[in-house]
Amino acid sequence: MEFTGKVKVIGATEQVSDKFKKRSLVVTIEGDYPQHIEVQAVQDKVVMFDNLLPGDEVTCYINLRGREWTSPKNEVKYFNTLECWKLETK
């Protein structure tokens, strides 16, 4: 999947654990009702966002990720992530 828009927010790299890091990027898709889409890069892909500036036009190539989690109270919840694996600037 892919979409094109303008960079709105570039997040800092978060070291979640010794072996896992992630970074977020918010991209705005213009239109009558602008959409602000947050994508995430993980591990060695976090450097894709290094040279971006707010306002840059980009195409994000993403994979949809989802997972199930059971709370200590035995409630089941679902989480979705848009994982960016490739980024092109215009």
N, C-alpha and C. Protein backbone atom coordinates (compact mmCIF):
# COMPACT_ATOMS: atom_id res chain seq x y z
N MET A 1 0.84 -1.18 0.00
CA MET A 1 0.00 0.00 0.00
C MET A 1 0.88 1.23 0.00
N GLU A 2 0.36 2.30 -0.54
CA GLU A 2 1.11 3.55 -0.53
C GLU A 2 0.16 4.74 -0.52
N PHE A 3 0.67 5.87 -0.07
CA PHE A 3 -0.07 7.13 -0.14
C PHE A 3 0.94 8.27 -0.17
N THR A 4 0.48 9.42 -0.68
CA THR A 4 1.34 10.59 -0.82
C THR A 4 0.73 11.76 -0.06
N GLY A 5 1.58 12.53 0.60
CA GLY A 5 1.13 13.70 1.33
C GLY A 5 2.30 14.54 1.78
N LYS A 6 2.03 15.50 2.66
CA LYS A 6 3.07 16.40 3.15
C LYS A 6 3.39 16.10 4.61
N VAL A 7 4.68 16.12 4.92
CA VAL A 7 5.14 15.85 6.29
C VAL A 7 4.61 16.92 7.23
N LYS A 8 4.00 16.50 8.32
CA LYS A 8 3.49 17.41 9.33
C LYS A 8 4.35 17.36 10.59
N VAL A 9 4.61 16.16 11.09
CA VAL A 9 5.37 15.98 12.34
C VAL A 9 6.37 14.84 12.16
N ILE A 10 7.60 15.08 12.63
CA ILE A 10 8.64 14.05 12.60
C ILE A 10 8.99 13.73 14.05
N GLY A 11 8.71 12.52 14.46
CA GLY A 11 8.97 12.13 15.84
C GLY A 11 10.42 11.75 16.07
N ALA A 12 10.79 11.73 17.34
CA ALA A 12 12.13 11.30 17.73
C ALA A 12 12.17 9.77 17.77
N THR A 13 13.34 9.22 17.62
CA THR A 13 13.51 7.78 17.73
C THR A 13 13.35 7.36 19.19
N GLU A 14 12.53 6.34 19.41
CA GLU A 14 12.29 5.81 20.76
C GLU A 14 12.96 4.44 20.88
N GLN A 15 13.84 4.28 21.84
CA GLN A 15 14.46 2.99 22.12
C GLN A 15 13.55 2.26 23.09
N VAL A 16 12.70 1.40 22.57
CA VAL A 16 11.68 0.73 23.38
C VAL A 16 12.30 -0.34 24.28
N SER A 17 13.26 -1.07 23.75
CA SER A 17 13.98 -2.08 24.52
C SER A 17 15.39 -2.19 23.95
N ASP A 18 16.19 -3.06 24.51
CA ASP A 18 17.56 -3.23 24.01
C ASP A 18 17.59 -3.60 22.53
N LYS A 19 16.56 -4.30 22.08
CA LYS A 19 16.56 -4.82 20.72
C LYS A 19 15.52 -4.19 19.80
N PHE A 20 14.79 -3.18 20.30
CA PHE A 20 13.71 -2.63 19.47
C PHE A 20 13.65 -1.11 19.58
N LYS A 21 13.61 -0.45 18.40
CA LYS A 21 13.43 1.01 18.36
C LYS A 21 12.41 1.34 17.29
N LYS A 22 11.74 2.51 17.48
CA LYS A 22 10.72 2.93 16.53
C LYS A 22 10.72 4.45 16.43
N ARG A 23 10.09 4.94 15.37
CA ARG A 23 10.00 6.38 15.13
C ARG A 23 8.71 6.65 14.35
N SER A 24 8.03 7.74 14.67
CA SER A 24 6.77 8.03 14.00
C SER A 24 6.90 9.24 13.09
N LEU A 25 6.00 9.30 12.14
CA LEU A 25 5.93 10.38 11.17
C LEU A 25 4.45 10.62 10.89
N VAL A 26 4.05 11.89 10.91
CA VAL A 26 2.66 12.23 10.55
C VAL A 26 2.69 12.91 9.20
N VAL A 27 1.89 12.38 8.29
CA VAL A 27 1.79 12.89 6.92
C VAL A 27 0.36 13.33 6.69
N THR A 28 0.19 14.54 6.12
CA THR A 28 -1.14 15.08 5.84
C THR A 28 -1.48 14.86 4.38
N ILE A 29 -2.63 14.23 4.16
CA ILE A 29 -3.17 14.07 2.81
C ILE A 29 -4.18 15.19 2.63
N GLU A 30 -3.91 16.07 1.67
CA GLU A 30 -4.77 17.24 1.45
C GLU A 30 -6.07 16.83 0.78
N GLY A 31 -7.06 17.69 0.87
CA GLY A 31 -8.36 17.46 0.25
C GLY A 31 -9.40 18.29 0.97
N ASP A 32 -10.66 18.08 0.64
CA ASP A 32 -11.73 18.79 1.33
C ASP A 32 -11.70 18.52 2.84
N TYR A 33 -11.32 17.31 3.18
CA TYR A 33 -11.21 16.91 4.59
C TYR A 33 -9.81 16.33 4.79
N PRO A 34 -8.81 17.19 5.08
CA PRO A 34 -7.44 16.69 5.23
C PRO A 34 -7.34 15.57 6.26
N GLN A 35 -6.52 14.59 5.93
CA GLN A 35 -6.31 13.44 6.82
C GLN A 35 -4.87 13.46 7.31
N HIS A 36 -4.69 13.33 8.61
CA HIS A 36 -3.36 13.31 9.22
C HIS A 36 -3.07 11.85 9.59
N ILE A 37 -2.17 11.24 8.84
CA ILE A 37 -1.90 9.82 8.96
C ILE A 37 -0.56 9.61 9.66
N GLU A 38 -0.58 8.85 10.76
CA GLU A 38 0.67 8.53 11.46
C GLU A 38 1.18 7.18 10.99
N VAL A 39 2.43 7.16 10.56
CA VAL A 39 3.09 5.91 10.20
C VAL A 39 4.27 5.71 11.15
N GLN A 40 4.78 4.51 11.16
CA GLN A 40 5.86 4.17 12.07
C GLN A 40 6.95 3.44 11.30
N ALA A 41 8.20 3.74 11.61
CA ALA A 41 9.34 2.98 11.09
C ALA A 41 9.98 2.29 12.28
N VAL A 42 10.47 1.08 12.06
CA VAL A 42 11.09 0.33 13.14
C VAL A 42 12.50 -0.11 12.74
N GLN A 43 13.30 -0.37 13.78
CA GLN A 43 14.65 -0.89 13.66
C GLN A 43 15.51 -0.03 12.74
N ASP A 44 16.16 -0.63 11.75
CA ASP A 44 17.07 0.12 10.88
C ASP A 44 16.36 1.09 9.94
N LYS A 45 15.05 1.02 9.84
CA LYS A 45 14.28 1.90 8.96
C LYS A 45 14.05 3.29 9.57
N VAL A 46 14.33 3.48 10.87
CA VAL A 46 14.07 4.78 11.50
C VAL A 46 14.87 5.91 10.85
N VAL A 47 15.99 5.59 10.22
CA VAL A 47 16.82 6.62 9.59
C VAL A 47 16.17 7.21 8.34
N MET A 48 15.12 6.57 7.82
CA MET A 48 14.42 7.11 6.65
C MET A 48 13.89 8.52 6.89
N PHE A 49 13.60 8.85 8.14
CA PHE A 49 12.98 10.13 8.47
C PHE A 49 14.01 11.21 8.81
N ASP A 50 15.30 10.86 8.81
CA ASP A 50 16.35 11.77 9.26
C ASP A 50 16.42 13.10 8.52
N ASN A 51 16.32 13.10 7.22
CA ASN A 51 16.52 14.32 6.44
C ASN A 51 15.23 15.01 6.02
N LEU A 52 14.12 14.63 6.62
CA LEU A 52 12.83 15.22 6.28
C LEU A 52 12.61 16.52 7.03
N LEU A 53 11.83 17.39 6.41
CA LEU A 53 11.41 18.65 7.04
C LEU A 53 9.89 18.77 6.92
N PRO A 54 9.24 19.42 7.89
CA PRO A 54 7.80 19.65 7.74
C PRO A 54 7.52 20.37 6.42
N GLY A 55 6.52 19.90 5.72
CA GLY A 55 6.16 20.47 4.42
C GLY A 55 6.68 19.68 3.24
N ASP A 56 7.67 18.80 3.46
CA ASP A 56 8.18 17.95 2.37
C ASP A 56 7.08 17.04 1.87
N GLU A 57 7.01 16.86 0.56
CA GLU A 57 6.05 15.92 -0.01
C GLU A 57 6.70 14.56 -0.10
N VAL A 58 6.01 13.55 0.40
CA VAL A 58 6.55 12.19 0.45
C VAL A 58 5.51 11.17 0.00
N THR A 59 6.01 10.05 -0.47
CA THR A 59 5.17 8.88 -0.70
C THR A 59 5.62 7.82 0.29
N CYS A 60 4.68 7.35 1.09
CA CYS A 60 4.94 6.32 2.10
C CYS A 60 4.44 4.98 1.58
N TYR A 61 5.29 4.00 1.65
CA TYR A 61 4.93 2.62 1.33
C TYR A 61 4.78 1.90 2.66
N ILE A 62 3.63 1.34 2.88
CA ILE A 62 3.33 0.80 4.22
C ILE A 62 2.81 -0.63 4.18
N ASN A 63 2.97 -1.29 5.30
CA ASN A 63 2.31 -2.56 5.59
C ASN A 63 1.38 -2.31 6.76
N LEU A 64 0.20 -2.90 6.71
CA LEU A 64 -0.74 -2.83 7.82
C LEU A 64 -0.37 -3.93 8.82
N ARG A 65 -0.24 -3.54 10.07
CA ARG A 65 0.09 -4.50 11.12
C ARG A 65 -0.99 -4.42 12.19
N GLY A 66 -1.34 -5.56 12.75
CA GLY A 66 -2.33 -5.60 13.82
C GLY A 66 -1.97 -6.68 14.81
N ARG A 67 -2.37 -6.45 16.05
CA ARG A 67 -2.11 -7.46 17.07
C ARG A 67 -3.21 -7.46 18.11
N GLU A 68 -3.32 -8.59 18.76
CA GLU A 68 -4.29 -8.78 19.83
C GLU A 68 -3.55 -8.77 21.15
N TRP A 69 -4.15 -8.17 22.17
CA TRP A 69 -3.56 -8.11 23.50
C TRP A 69 -4.64 -8.40 24.53
N THR A 70 -4.30 -9.20 25.51
CA THR A 70 -5.23 -9.50 26.59
C THR A 70 -4.72 -8.83 27.86
N SER A 71 -5.57 -7.99 28.45
CA SER A 71 -5.19 -7.23 29.65
C SER A 71 -5.17 -8.15 30.87
N PRO A 72 -4.58 -7.67 31.97
CA PRO A 72 -4.62 -8.45 33.21
C PRO A 72 -6.05 -8.76 33.68
N LYS A 73 -7.01 -7.93 33.25
CA LYS A 73 -8.42 -8.17 33.60
C LYS A 73 -9.10 -9.09 32.60
N ASN A 74 -8.30 -9.67 31.71
CA ASN A 74 -8.78 -10.60 30.69
C ASN A 74 -9.64 -9.95 29.62
N GLU A 75 -9.44 -8.64 29.40
CA GLU A 75 -10.12 -7.93 28.32
C GLU A 75 -9.24 -7.99 27.07
N VAL A 76 -9.84 -8.33 25.96
CA VAL A 76 -9.09 -8.43 24.71
C VAL A 76 -9.18 -7.11 23.97
N LYS A 77 -8.03 -6.60 23.54
CA LYS A 77 -7.97 -5.34 22.78
C LYS A 77 -7.16 -5.58 21.52
N TYR A 78 -7.40 -4.73 20.51
CA TYR A 78 -6.71 -4.85 19.24
C TYR A 78 -6.01 -3.54 18.92
N PHE A 79 -4.80 -3.63 18.38
CA PHE A 79 -4.01 -2.47 18.03
C PHE A 79 -3.57 -2.59 16.58
N ASN A 80 -3.60 -1.47 15.86
CA ASN A 80 -3.17 -1.42 14.47
C ASN A 80 -2.01 -0.45 14.31
N THR A 81 -1.12 -0.77 13.40
CA THR A 81 0.02 0.08 13.09
C THR A 81 0.20 0.14 11.59
N LEU A 82 0.52 1.33 11.08
CA LEU A 82 0.91 1.49 9.69
C LEU A 82 2.43 1.54 9.67
N GLU A 83 3.06 0.47 9.24
CA GLU A 83 4.51 0.37 9.29
C GLU A 83 5.11 0.77 7.94
N CYS A 84 5.87 1.85 7.95
CA CYS A 84 6.50 2.37 6.73
C CYS A 84 7.79 1.61 6.47
N TRP A 85 7.89 1.00 5.28
CA TRP A 85 9.09 0.26 4.95
C TRP A 85 9.91 0.93 3.84
N LYS A 86 9.29 1.93 3.18
CA LYS A 86 9.99 2.67 2.13
C LYS A 86 9.38 4.06 2.06
N LEU A 87 10.24 5.06 1.79
CA LEU A 87 9.79 6.43 1.73
C LEU A 87 10.47 7.12 0.55
N GLU A 88 9.69 7.82 -0.25
CA GLU A 88 10.24 8.58 -1.38
C GLU A 88 9.86 10.04 -1.21
N THR A 89 10.82 10.92 -1.42
CA THR A 89 10.52 12.35 -1.38
C THR A 89 10.29 12.82 -2.81
N LYS A 90 9.45 13.85 -2.94
CA LYS A 90 9.10 14.38 -4.27
C LYS A 90 9.94 15.59 -4.59
